Amino acid sequence: MRIREASELDLDDVLSVERLAFGHDKEAGLVRDLLDDASAKPILSLLAFDGDRAVGHILFTAVCLSKTRQGISAAILAPLAVVPDAQKQGIGGKLIERGLRLLCESGVELVFVLGHPEYYPRHGFKPAGNLGFEAPYPIPDEHADAWMVQALRPDVIGSVSGKVICADALNKPEHWRE
């Protein structure tokens, strides 16, 4: 397996992975919208390949915090997709790991995700609400642990807080409900 940054020429592969992984067009549409959304920049889009076949995709887009000083660089992971026949082989974890490393190297300090509370903590994410980070839309109490954050710099959590403001394409209530 190899992982590389996706380019505009990879759009068909990216959208195909999203459709196959989720079994419908919602996430593929979100990815297309985010890739075209100036407020999502900078974007990190990675594709995983098994031979010549795209089997996984991860997208990180820029976010900001409502009550923080300028200079904090943050991103959100949304979505992570692996085609069904390639799941449970570590591809998602490798995409997360590569993405976080590249974001850290580029100066990103915080990464957020709304995701499975048993999966993402294995990759360093912690519940964000009790650390002072509010999701763009309210998360029901029974799903509060699904809103998570990871610091890519050791001293950032505890020194900043606030509501996460996403790109326009992601800042819609339908993306924040199960």
Protein backbone atom coordinates (compact mmCIF):
# COMPACT_ATOMS: atom_id res chain seq x y z
CA MET A 1 0.00 0.00 0.00
CA ARG A 2 1.14 3.52 -0.73
CA ILE A 3 -0.29 6.86 0.37
CA ARG A 4 0.09 10.15 -1.48
CA GLU A 5 -1.52 13.55 -1.63
CA ALA A 6 -4.51 13.63 -3.93
CA SER A 7 -4.54 16.09 -6.82
CA GLU A 8 -7.36 17.49 -8.93
CA LEU A 9 -6.71 14.65 -11.37
CA ASP A 10 -7.63 12.16 -8.62
CA LEU A 11 -11.15 13.50 -8.06
CA ASP A 12 -12.87 10.47 -9.63
CA ASP A 13 -10.86 8.08 -7.42
CA VAL A 14 -11.55 10.18 -4.30
CA LEU A 15 -15.29 10.28 -4.93
CA SER A 16 -15.39 6.57 -5.82
CA VAL A 17 -13.70 5.63 -2.53
CA GLU A 18 -16.16 7.82 -0.61
CA ARG A 19 -19.20 6.30 -2.36
CA LEU A 20 -18.01 2.71 -1.91
CA ALA A 21 -17.01 3.21 1.72
CA PHE A 22 -20.26 4.83 2.82
CA GLY A 23 -22.65 3.16 0.37
CA HIS A 24 -24.24 6.44 -0.74
CA ASP A 25 -23.38 9.88 -2.14
CA LYS A 26 -23.60 12.08 0.99
CA GLU A 27 -19.90 12.01 1.94
CA ALA A 28 -18.79 12.15 -1.70
CA GLY A 29 -20.90 15.28 -2.12
CA LEU A 30 -19.43 16.78 1.05
CA VAL A 31 -15.88 16.05 -0.16
CA ARG A 32 -16.60 17.63 -3.55
CA ASP A 33 -18.07 20.70 -1.83
CA LEU A 34 -15.13 21.00 0.57
CA LEU A 35 -12.57 20.70 -2.22
CA ASP A 36 -14.30 23.62 -3.97
CA ASP A 37 -14.77 25.69 -0.79
CA ALA A 38 -12.27 28.54 -0.38
CA SER A 39 -13.08 28.70 3.35
CA ALA A 40 -11.80 25.09 3.75
CA LYS A 41 -8.26 25.97 2.70
CA PRO A 42 -5.64 24.82 3.37
CA ILE A 43 -6.78 21.31 2.58
CA LEU A 44 -4.91 18.05 2.99
CA SER A 45 -6.39 15.24 0.90
CA LEU A 46 -4.66 11.85 0.94
CA LEU A 47 -5.34 8.73 -1.11
CA ALA A 48 -4.25 5.20 -0.23
CA PHE A 49 -3.58 2.76 -3.07
CA ASP A 50 -3.33 -0.98 -3.28
CA GLY A 51 -1.42 -1.30 -6.52
CA ASP A 52 -3.18 1.07 -8.91
CA ARG A 53 -6.51 0.87 -7.09
CA ALA A 54 -7.56 3.67 -4.71
CA VAL A 55 -8.77 2.01 -1.51
CA GLY A 56 -8.77 4.81 1.06
CA HIS A 57 -9.15 8.56 1.37
CA ILE A 58 -8.86 11.10 4.18
CA LEU A 59 -9.62 14.81 4.09
CA PHE A 60 -8.52 17.50 6.51
CA THR A 61 -9.80 21.07 6.15
CA ALA A 62 -9.01 24.25 8.03
CA VAL A 63 -11.05 25.39 11.04
CA CYS A 64 -10.69 28.22 13.52
CA LEU A 65 -11.71 28.76 17.13
CA SER A 66 -14.22 31.45 18.04
CA LYS A 67 -12.60 32.61 21.29
CA THR A 68 -8.89 32.37 20.70
CA ARG A 69 -5.99 34.53 19.77
CA GLN A 70 -4.81 34.59 16.21
CA GLY A 71 -2.04 32.22 15.38
CA ILE A 72 -3.62 28.90 16.38
CA SER A 73 -3.71 26.65 13.35
CA ALA A 74 -6.37 23.93 13.43
CA ALA A 75 -7.98 21.40 11.11
CA ILE A 76 -10.83 18.92 11.10
CA LEU A 77 -10.71 15.36 9.80
CA ALA A 78 -13.83 14.75 7.73
CA PRO A 79 -14.28 12.24 6.25
CA LEU A 80 -12.11 9.13 6.47
CA ALA A 81 -13.12 6.42 4.01
CA VAL A 82 -11.84 2.92 3.19
CA VAL A 83 -13.55 0.73 0.59
CA PRO A 84 -15.36 -2.23 2.21
CA ASP A 85 -13.09 -5.02 0.94
CA ALA A 86 -9.99 -3.19 2.25
CA GLN A 87 -11.32 -2.37 5.73
CA LYS A 88 -9.81 -3.79 8.92
CA GLN A 89 -6.34 -3.86 7.34
CA GLY A 90 -4.94 -0.72 8.99
CA ILE A 91 -5.43 1.57 6.00
CA GLY A 92 -7.53 4.08 7.92
CA GLY A 93 -4.95 4.23 10.70
CA LYS A 94 -2.12 4.75 8.23
CA LEU A 95 -4.07 7.58 6.55
CA ILE A 96 -4.66 9.23 9.93
CA GLU A 97 -1.00 8.82 10.92
CA ARG A 98 0.33 10.25 7.65
CA GLY A 99 -2.19 13.10 7.72
CA LEU A 100 -1.37 14.09 11.29
CA ARG A 101 2.36 13.99 10.55
CA LEU A 102 1.99 16.22 7.49
CA LEU A 103 -0.29 18.62 9.36
CA CYS A 104 2.18 18.83 12.24
CA GLU A 105 5.02 19.54 9.82
CA SER A 106 2.94 22.34 8.28
CA GLY A 107 2.35 23.99 11.68
CA VAL A 108 -1.18 22.76 12.50
CA GLU A 109 -1.59 22.57 16.27
CA LEU A 110 -5.04 21.01 16.81
CA VAL A 111 -7.05 18.46 14.83
CA PHE A 112 -10.74 17.78 15.49
CA VAL A 113 -12.98 14.91 14.44
CA LEU A 114 -16.58 13.86 14.95
CA GLY A 115 -16.25 10.13 14.77
CA HIS A 116 -16.48 6.73 16.37
CA PRO A 117 -15.46 7.06 20.05
CA GLU A 118 -13.90 3.60 20.10
CA TYR A 119 -11.83 4.07 16.92
CA TYR A 120 -10.29 7.53 17.00
CA PRO A 121 -8.85 7.36 20.56
CA ARG A 122 -6.60 4.55 19.26
CA HIS A 123 -5.06 7.26 17.09
CA GLY A 124 -4.55 9.83 19.85
CA PHE A 125 -7.88 11.67 19.87
CA LYS A 126 -9.57 12.65 23.14
CA PRO A 127 -13.09 13.92 23.89
CA ALA A 128 -13.00 17.65 23.06
CA GLY A 129 -16.01 19.00 24.97
CA ASN A 130 -14.52 18.62 28.43
CA LEU A 131 -11.29 20.22 27.15
CA GLY A 132 -13.09 23.45 26.28
CA PHE A 133 -13.80 22.87 22.58
CA GLU A 134 -17.38 23.27 21.43
CA ALA A 135 -18.55 21.61 18.22
CA PRO A 136 -20.03 23.79 15.47
CA TYR A 137 -23.47 22.36 16.31
CA PRO A 138 -24.60 20.81 19.60
CA ILE A 139 -23.69 17.17 20.08
CA PRO A 140 -26.29 15.21 22.11
CA ASP A 141 -24.98 14.10 25.51
CA GLU A 142 -25.18 10.42 24.55
CA HIS A 143 -22.72 11.13 21.67
CA ALA A 144 -20.51 13.70 23.42
CA ASP A 145 -17.46 11.40 23.30
CA ALA A 146 -17.69 11.33 19.48
CA TRP A 147 -16.51 14.99 19.36
CA MET A 148 -12.72 14.68 19.72
CA VAL A 149 -9.49 16.61 19.44
CA GLN A 150 -5.79 15.83 19.18
CA ALA A 151 -3.04 18.30 19.95
CA LEU A 152 -0.07 18.21 17.60
CA ARG A 153 1.86 20.52 19.93
CA PRO A 154 2.07 19.55 23.61
CA ASP A 155 1.20 22.88 25.22
CA VAL A 156 -1.80 23.94 23.14
CA ILE A 157 -4.67 22.18 24.99
CA GLY A 158 -5.39 24.15 28.11
CA SER A 159 -4.13 27.39 26.58
CA VAL A 160 -6.98 27.78 24.06
CA SER A 161 -10.68 27.00 23.93
CA GLY A 162 -13.77 27.99 22.01
CA LYS A 163 -16.30 26.94 19.43
CA VAL A 164 -14.90 25.35 16.29
CA ILE A 165 -15.84 27.20 13.12
CA CYS A 166 -15.68 24.97 10.05
CA ALA A 167 -15.58 25.67 6.34
CA ASP A 168 -18.88 26.82 4.89
CA ALA A 169 -19.55 23.45 3.22
CA LEU A 170 -19.19 21.59 6.54
CA ASN A 171 -20.90 24.22 8.69
CA LYS A 172 -24.40 22.82 8.15
CA PRO A 173 -26.48 21.02 10.79
CA GLU A 174 -27.02 17.92 8.64
CA HIS A 175 -23.29 17.11 8.87
CA TRP A 176 -23.44 17.13 12.68
CA ARG A 177 -26.24 14.61 13.27
CA GLU A 178 -26.13 10.84 13.25
